[in-house]
Amino acid sequence: MAMFGTITEFVEENEDWTEYVERLGHFFLANGIIDEAKQRSILLSVCGAKTYKLMRNLATPRRPGEIPFGDLLALVQTHHNPKPSVIVQRFKFNCHFRKTGQSVANFVAELRELSEHCEFGAMLEDMLRDRLVCGINEDSIQRRLLGEATLTFKRALELSQGMEMAASNVKNIQKVNSESCAVHQVTKEVAGKRGKAVECFRCGGTHYGNN
């Protein structure tokens, strides 16, 4: 039976163990591998010599093949990614502000990443909304958000991105207008120097020299 996808060895410098386990889970799901003993054998076969040695050391005096699949994953998880302090993670989340020039989407992506170990549970959407409003670092957007009688995270994100896009569009229009005025002025100057009619490709008008 042909297999879907492949699983490479785990390289700590390139990938988080949690992400590796997630990919492994998708590989098992795609290929219908539900037997935990088989899942364990596949993991031990593909994880790489360095990770296998780590598992062997962590499992002592037992062998990796003697430990249930879930427990084996937990051993490596605890070694590579010990559970962080919820208090510290929430402190980092609540102190995070949008950087100058950073897009709203990127700022929200950072907030979602920071919230991973905060254990907000059902309060996650409210916490994201509050941090978006308080950390947006732009008075006009902040005033608009605070002016909403009922504000959900989804609505706060839509308003923030809408205002961000509007501000960007205004800058683009102003830039084009500025360039157009500059070209228009140069065309008039050229017409004046040449003493003849010169058509302006920006405004479509005709400028005449003084001679």
Protein backbone atom coordinates (compact mmCIF):
# COMPACT_ATOMS: atom_id res chain seq x y z
CA MET A 1 0.00 0.00 0.00
CA ALA A 2 1.40 3.37 -1.02
CA MET A 3 2.00 5.89 1.73
CA PHE A 4 0.93 9.54 1.60
CA GLY A 5 3.70 11.96 2.49
CA THR A 6 6.95 11.36 4.35
CA ILE A 7 8.28 12.08 7.81
CA THR A 8 11.87 13.23 8.10
CA GLU A 9 14.01 13.06 11.21
CA PHE A 10 13.56 15.61 13.97
CA VAL A 11 16.13 18.41 13.87
CA GLU A 12 15.88 20.58 16.96
CA GLU A 13 17.52 23.57 15.28
CA ASN A 14 14.91 23.65 12.51
CA GLU A 15 11.65 22.64 14.16
CA ASP A 16 9.79 22.67 17.44
CA TRP A 17 9.02 19.23 18.90
CA THR A 18 5.33 20.10 19.20
CA GLU A 19 5.20 20.91 15.48
CA TYR A 20 7.02 17.68 14.64
CA VAL A 21 4.50 15.65 16.64
CA GLU A 22 1.65 17.46 14.86
CA ARG A 23 3.12 16.57 11.46
CA LEU A 24 3.57 12.99 12.62
CA GLY A 25 -0.08 12.88 13.65
CA HIS A 26 -1.19 14.10 10.22
CA PHE A 27 0.99 11.44 8.59
CA PHE A 28 -0.68 8.72 10.69
CA LEU A 29 -4.13 10.13 9.91
CA ALA A 30 -3.50 10.35 6.16
CA ASN A 31 -2.30 6.78 6.05
CA GLY A 32 -4.85 5.26 8.43
CA ILE A 33 -2.24 4.22 11.00
CA ILE A 34 -4.16 3.91 14.27
CA ASP A 35 -2.28 1.15 16.08
CA GLU A 36 -0.15 2.85 18.78
CA ALA A 37 2.52 0.15 18.73
CA LYS A 38 2.97 0.75 14.99
CA GLN A 39 2.96 4.52 15.52
CA ARG A 40 5.70 4.12 18.12
CA SER A 41 7.79 1.96 15.81
CA ILE A 42 7.47 4.48 12.98
CA LEU A 43 8.50 7.32 15.29
CA LEU A 44 11.55 5.41 16.53
CA SER A 45 12.49 4.54 12.95
CA VAL A 46 12.29 8.06 11.51
CA CYS A 47 13.14 10.40 14.40
CA GLY A 48 16.90 10.27 13.77
CA ALA A 49 19.87 8.95 15.75
CA LYS A 50 20.16 12.02 18.01
CA THR A 51 16.51 11.97 19.05
CA TYR A 52 16.50 8.18 19.48
CA LYS A 53 19.50 8.46 21.80
CA LEU A 54 17.70 11.14 23.79
CA MET A 55 14.62 8.93 24.10
CA ARG A 56 16.81 6.04 25.20
CA ASN A 57 18.45 8.14 27.90
CA LEU A 58 15.14 9.56 29.12
CA ALA A 59 13.53 6.13 29.20
CA THR A 60 16.28 4.42 31.22
CA PRO A 61 16.13 1.78 32.63
CA ARG A 62 13.45 0.83 30.09
CA ARG A 63 13.91 0.82 26.33
CA PRO A 64 11.99 3.27 24.10
CA GLY A 65 10.16 0.34 22.50
CA GLU A 66 8.76 -0.63 25.89
CA ILE A 67 7.12 2.72 26.59
CA PRO A 68 3.59 3.60 25.36
CA PHE A 69 3.57 5.94 22.37
CA GLY A 70 1.91 8.82 24.22
CA ASP A 71 4.31 8.56 27.17
CA LEU A 72 7.27 8.54 24.78
CA LEU A 73 6.09 11.77 23.17
CA ALA A 74 5.57 13.32 26.60
CA LEU A 75 9.13 12.46 27.67
CA VAL A 76 10.64 14.35 24.76
CA GLN A 77 8.10 17.16 25.10
CA THR A 78 9.07 17.72 28.73
CA HIS A 79 12.74 17.72 27.79
CA HIS A 80 12.51 20.11 24.84
CA ASN A 81 9.51 22.20 25.82
CA PRO A 82 8.87 22.16 29.55
CA LYS A 83 5.50 23.70 30.38
CA PRO A 84 5.97 27.47 30.71
CA SER A 85 4.61 29.50 33.60
CA VAL A 86 1.07 30.70 32.85
CA ILE A 87 1.72 33.85 34.90
CA VAL A 88 4.80 34.73 32.86
CA GLN A 89 3.08 33.97 29.55
CA ARG A 90 0.12 36.18 30.45
CA PHE A 91 2.49 38.94 31.50
CA LYS A 92 4.19 38.79 28.09
CA PHE A 93 0.81 38.81 26.36
CA ASN A 94 -0.49 41.80 28.30
CA CYS A 95 2.72 43.79 27.73
CA HIS A 96 2.80 43.29 23.98
CA PHE A 97 2.29 46.35 21.79
CA ARG A 98 2.13 46.89 18.05
CA LYS A 99 5.46 48.04 16.63
CA THR A 100 5.81 51.15 14.50
CA GLY A 101 4.95 50.31 10.89
CA GLN A 102 3.70 46.82 11.77
CA SER A 103 0.54 45.64 10.07
CA VAL A 104 -2.54 44.89 12.14
CA ALA A 105 -2.61 41.32 10.80
CA ASN A 106 0.97 40.71 11.86
CA PHE A 107 0.32 42.19 15.30
CA VAL A 108 -2.69 39.92 15.81
CA ALA A 109 -0.66 36.91 14.65
CA GLU A 110 1.90 37.70 17.35
CA LEU A 111 -0.86 37.99 19.95
CA ARG A 112 -2.25 34.59 18.97
CA GLU A 113 1.21 33.07 19.28
CA LEU A 114 1.74 34.64 22.70
CA SER A 115 -1.66 33.39 23.89
CA GLU A 116 -0.81 29.73 23.22
CA HIS A 117 0.30 28.97 26.79
CA CYS A 118 -1.85 31.55 28.60
CA GLU A 119 -4.71 29.10 29.20
CA PHE A 120 -7.37 31.72 28.53
CA GLY A 121 -9.87 29.05 27.52
CA ALA A 122 -13.29 30.51 26.69
CA MET A 123 -11.94 34.01 27.43
CA LEU A 124 -9.44 33.92 24.54
CA GLU A 125 -11.50 36.05 22.12
CA ASP A 126 -12.11 38.71 24.79
CA MET A 127 -8.43 38.79 25.77
CA LEU A 128 -7.36 39.15 22.13
CA ARG A 129 -9.88 41.97 21.67
CA ASP A 130 -8.66 43.82 24.76
CA ARG A 131 -5.01 43.49 23.80
CA LEU A 132 -5.73 44.60 20.23
CA VAL A 133 -7.50 47.74 21.47
CA CYS A 134 -4.93 48.57 24.14
CA GLY A 135 -1.85 47.65 22.14
CA ILE A 136 -2.74 48.99 18.67
CA ASN A 137 -0.53 52.06 19.23
CA GLU A 138 -2.51 54.35 16.92
CA ASP A 139 -4.82 56.98 18.41
CA SER A 140 -7.31 57.18 15.53
CA ILE A 141 -7.90 53.43 15.46
CA GLN A 142 -8.00 53.19 19.24
CA ARG A 143 -10.62 55.97 19.51
CA ARG A 144 -12.74 54.26 16.85
CA LEU A 145 -12.62 50.93 18.65
CA LEU A 146 -13.38 52.43 22.06
CA GLY A 147 -16.34 54.25 20.55
CA GLU A 148 -18.10 50.96 19.78
CA ALA A 149 -20.93 50.15 22.19
CA THR A 150 -20.50 46.41 21.67
CA LEU A 151 -17.12 45.25 20.43
CA THR A 152 -16.15 41.68 19.65
CA PHE A 153 -12.65 40.61 18.65
CA LYS A 154 -13.84 39.93 15.10
CA ARG A 155 -15.37 43.41 14.83
CA ALA A 156 -12.27 45.04 16.35
CA LEU A 157 -10.06 43.28 13.82
CA GLU A 158 -12.30 44.27 10.89
CA LEU A 159 -12.38 47.93 11.95
CA SER A 160 -8.63 48.07 12.58
CA GLN A 161 -7.73 46.53 9.24
CA GLY A 162 -10.30 48.70 7.45
CA MET A 163 -8.84 51.89 8.89
CA GLU A 164 -5.33 50.66 8.14
CA MET A 165 -6.28 50.04 4.51
CA ALA A 166 -8.03 53.42 4.24
CA ALA A 167 -4.95 55.22 5.57
CA SER A 168 -2.75 53.36 3.10
CA ASN A 169 -5.07 54.26 0.20
CA VAL A 170 -5.04 57.93 1.19
CA LYS A 171 -1.23 57.94 1.18
CA ASN A 172 -1.18 56.32 -2.26
CA ILE A 173 -3.61 58.90 -3.66
CA GLN A 174 -1.62 61.75 -2.18
CA LYS A 175 1.58 60.33 -3.62
CA VAL A 176 0.07 60.04 -7.12
CA ASN A 177 -1.36 63.56 -6.88
CA SER A 178 2.00 64.91 -5.77
CA GLU A 179 3.79 63.21 -8.66
CA SER A 180 1.16 64.47 -11.10
CA CYS A 181 1.56 68.05 -9.92
CA ALA A 182 5.33 67.78 -10.25
CA VAL A 183 5.11 66.51 -13.84
CA HIS A 184 2.52 69.17 -14.67
CA GLN A 185 4.86 71.89 -13.40
CA VAL A 186 7.83 70.50 -15.36
CA THR A 187 5.70 70.42 -18.53
CA LYS A 188 4.77 74.07 -18.10
CA GLU A 189 8.41 74.99 -17.57
CA VAL A 190 9.47 73.08 -20.69
CA ALA A 191 6.77 74.83 -22.72
CA GLY A 192 7.94 78.19 -21.46
CA LYS A 193 11.53 77.51 -22.43
CA ARG A 194 10.71 76.12 -25.86
CA GLY A 195 8.21 78.84 -26.71
CA LYS A 196 5.80 76.37 -28.28
CA ALA A 197 2.79 74.24 -27.43
CA VAL A 198 3.56 71.17 -25.30
CA GLU A 199 0.87 68.66 -24.37
CA CYS A 200 0.92 67.46 -20.78
CA PHE A 201 0.43 63.69 -20.69
CA ARG A 202 -0.76 63.90 -17.08
CA CYS A 203 -3.56 66.45 -17.32
CA GLY A 204 -4.13 66.30 -21.08
CA GLY A 205 -3.84 70.05 -21.35
CA THR A 206 -1.67 72.09 -23.72
CA HIS A 207 0.86 74.57 -22.41
CA TYR A 208 2.29 77.39 -24.54
CA GLY A 209 5.57 79.19 -24.33
CA ASN A 210 5.90 82.94 -24.10
CA ASN A 211 7.58 83.38 -27.49
